[in-house]
């Protein structure tokens, strides 16, 4: 279990003329009751990292830090389509 919040980035790519959504969320483990603490640090050799072991209950908390919806691209009127590299 991590002591520091884990950032999670999400992107929803819209279809051709739809909006795109971006989000940045944190996942943190917090004590279920005020005053409870993690009470033991162990080393996980398989994953090569420290793990916190709690005999008290903890809950996962998700915090949205940024949420954005980008508008669809502008559609131009005209009979001719532009091509890459065309002058």
C-alpha atoms as a PDB file:
ATOM      1  CA  UNK A   1       0.000   0.000   0.000  1.00  0.00           C
ATOM      2  CA  UNK A   2       1.307   3.446  -0.861  1.00  0.00           C
ATOM      3  CA  UNK A   3       1.675   6.230   1.662  1.00  0.00           C
ATOM      4  CA  UNK A   4       1.738   9.019  -0.922  1.00  0.00           C
ATOM      5  CA  UNK A   5      -1.174   9.623  -3.320  1.00  0.00           C
ATOM      6  CA  UNK A   6      -1.029   7.803  -6.658  1.00  0.00           C
ATOM      7  CA  UNK A   7      -1.794  10.062  -9.653  1.00  0.00           C
ATOM      8  CA  UNK A   8      -4.156   8.630 -12.279  1.00  0.00           C
ATOM      9  CA  UNK A   9      -4.535  10.334 -15.672  1.00  0.00           C
ATOM     10  CA  UNK A  10      -7.558   9.558 -17.818  1.00  0.00           C
ATOM     11  CA  UNK A  11      -8.303  10.550 -21.410  1.00  0.00           C
ATOM     12  CA  UNK A  12     -11.502   9.901 -23.318  1.00  0.00           C
ATOM     13  CA  UNK A  13     -10.931  10.504 -27.002  1.00  0.00           C
ATOM     14  CA  UNK A  14     -14.154  11.472 -28.681  1.00  0.00           C
ATOM     15  CA  UNK A  15     -15.144  10.366 -32.165  1.00  0.00           C
ATOM     16  CA  UNK A  16     -14.387  12.601 -35.136  1.00  0.00           C
ATOM     17  CA  UNK A  17     -16.722  15.461 -34.209  1.00  0.00           C
ATOM     18  CA  UNK A  18     -17.085  14.806 -30.459  1.00  0.00           C
ATOM     19  CA  UNK A  19     -15.383  16.378 -27.479  1.00  0.00           C
ATOM     20  CA  UNK A  20     -12.336  14.951 -25.718  1.00  0.00           C
ATOM     21  CA  UNK A  21     -12.234  14.708 -21.910  1.00  0.00           C
ATOM     22  CA  UNK A  22      -9.136  14.857 -19.669  1.00  0.00           C
ATOM     23  CA  UNK A  23      -8.962  14.073 -15.963  1.00  0.00           C
ATOM     24  CA  UNK A  24      -6.281  13.907 -13.275  1.00  0.00           C
ATOM     25  CA  UNK A  25      -7.278  11.987 -10.150  1.00  0.00           C
ATOM     26  CA  UNK A  26      -5.350  10.916  -7.031  1.00  0.00           C
ATOM     27  CA  UNK A  27      -5.909   7.707  -5.100  1.00  0.00           C
ATOM     28  CA  UNK A  28      -4.918   7.869  -1.444  1.00  0.00           C
ATOM     29  CA  UNK A  29      -5.402   5.439   1.412  1.00  0.00           C
ATOM     30  CA  UNK A  30      -6.643   7.123   4.555  1.00  0.00           C
ATOM     31  CA  UNK A  31      -7.499   5.708   7.980  1.00  0.00           C
ATOM     32  CA  UNK A  32     -11.145   4.722   8.325  1.00  0.00           C
ATOM     33  CA  UNK A  33     -11.289   6.536  11.664  1.00  0.00           C
ATOM     34  CA  UNK A  34      -9.383   9.608  12.860  1.00  0.00           C
ATOM     35  CA  UNK A  35      -6.223   8.744  14.763  1.00  0.00           C
ATOM     36  CA  UNK A  36      -5.598   5.330  13.184  1.00  0.00           C
ATOM     37  CA  UNK A  37      -2.197   4.761  11.618  1.00  0.00           C
ATOM     38  CA  UNK A  38      -0.300   2.199   9.595  1.00  0.00           C
ATOM     39  CA  UNK A  39       1.616   0.158  12.124  1.00  0.00           C
ATOM     40  CA  UNK A  40       4.112  -1.967  10.201  1.00  0.00           C
ATOM     41  CA  UNK A  41       6.390  -1.556   7.172  1.00  0.00           C
ATOM     42  CA  UNK A  42       7.392  -4.733   5.303  1.00  0.00           C
ATOM     43  CA  UNK A  43       9.523  -5.312   2.221  1.00  0.00           C
ATOM     44  CA  UNK A  44       7.907  -7.122  -0.715  1.00  0.00           C
ATOM     45  CA  UNK A  45      10.813  -8.894  -2.452  1.00  0.00           C
ATOM     46  CA  UNK A  46       8.650 -10.021  -5.378  1.00  0.00           C
ATOM     47  CA  UNK A  47       7.720  -6.436  -6.331  1.00  0.00           C
ATOM     48  CA  UNK A  48      10.924  -4.918  -4.854  1.00  0.00           C
ATOM     49  CA  UNK A  49       9.209  -2.253  -2.803  1.00  0.00           C
ATOM     50  CA  UNK A  50       8.128  -1.377   0.710  1.00  0.00           C
ATOM     51  CA  UNK A  51       4.563  -2.105   1.776  1.00  0.00           C
ATOM     52  CA  UNK A  52       2.615  -0.706   4.682  1.00  0.00           C
ATOM     53  CA  UNK A  53       0.601  -3.192   6.687  1.00  0.00           C
ATOM     54  CA  UNK A  54      -2.304  -1.872   8.690  1.00  0.00           C
ATOM     55  CA  UNK A  55      -4.175  -3.811  11.298  1.00  0.00           C
ATOM     56  CA  UNK A  56      -6.647  -0.918  11.371  1.00  0.00           C
ATOM     57  CA  UNK A  57      -9.132  -0.393   8.558  1.00  0.00           C
ATOM     58  CA  UNK A  58      -8.194   2.020   5.795  1.00  0.00           C
ATOM     59  CA  UNK A  59     -10.264   3.301   2.893  1.00  0.00           C
ATOM     60  CA  UNK A  60      -9.308   4.354  -0.616  1.00  0.00           C
ATOM     61  CA  UNK A  61     -10.113   7.973  -1.341  1.00  0.00           C
ATOM     62  CA  UNK A  62     -10.219   9.365  -4.887  1.00  0.00           C
ATOM     63  CA  UNK A  63      -9.632  13.093  -5.367  1.00  0.00           C
ATOM     64  CA  UNK A  64     -10.295  14.742  -8.734  1.00  0.00           C
ATOM     65  CA  UNK A  65      -7.585  17.381  -9.203  1.00  0.00           C
ATOM     66  CA  UNK A  66      -8.349  18.449 -12.777  1.00  0.00           C
ATOM     67  CA  UNK A  67     -11.258  17.861 -15.136  1.00  0.00           C
ATOM     68  CA  UNK A  68     -11.473  19.333 -18.619  1.00  0.00           C
ATOM     69  CA  UNK A  69     -13.568  18.880 -21.734  1.00  0.00           C
ATOM     70  CA  UNK A  70     -11.979  19.991 -24.981  1.00  0.00           C
ATOM     71  CA  UNK A  71     -14.333  21.087 -27.734  1.00  0.00           C
ATOM     72  CA  UNK A  72     -14.586  19.247 -31.022  1.00  0.00           C
ATOM     73  CA  UNK A  73     -12.393  20.478 -33.885  1.00  0.00           C
ATOM     74  CA  UNK A  74     -13.744  23.201 -36.138  1.00  0.00           C
ATOM     75  CA  UNK A  75     -15.308  21.860 -39.291  1.00  0.00           C
ATOM     76  CA  UNK A  76     -14.645  24.035 -42.330  1.00  0.00           C
ATOM     77  CA  UNK A  77     -17.117  24.376 -45.156  1.00  0.00           C
ATOM     78  CA  UNK A  78     -15.864  23.889 -48.650  1.00  0.00           C
ATOM     79  CA  UNK A  79     -15.806  21.383 -51.434  1.00  0.00           C
ATOM     80  CA  UNK A  80     -12.094  20.580 -51.345  1.00  0.00           C
ATOM     81  CA  UNK A  81     -10.418  18.558 -48.601  1.00  0.00           C
ATOM     82  CA  UNK A  82      -6.912  19.487 -47.519  1.00  0.00           C
ATOM     83  CA  UNK A  83      -4.207  16.857 -47.798  1.00  0.00           C
ATOM     84  CA  UNK A  84      -0.991  16.590 -45.821  1.00  0.00           C
ATOM     85  CA  UNK A  85       1.925  18.069 -47.718  1.00  0.00           C
ATOM     86  CA  UNK A  86      -0.307  19.754 -50.307  1.00  0.00           C
ATOM     87  CA  UNK A  87       0.475  23.383 -51.177  1.00  0.00           C
END
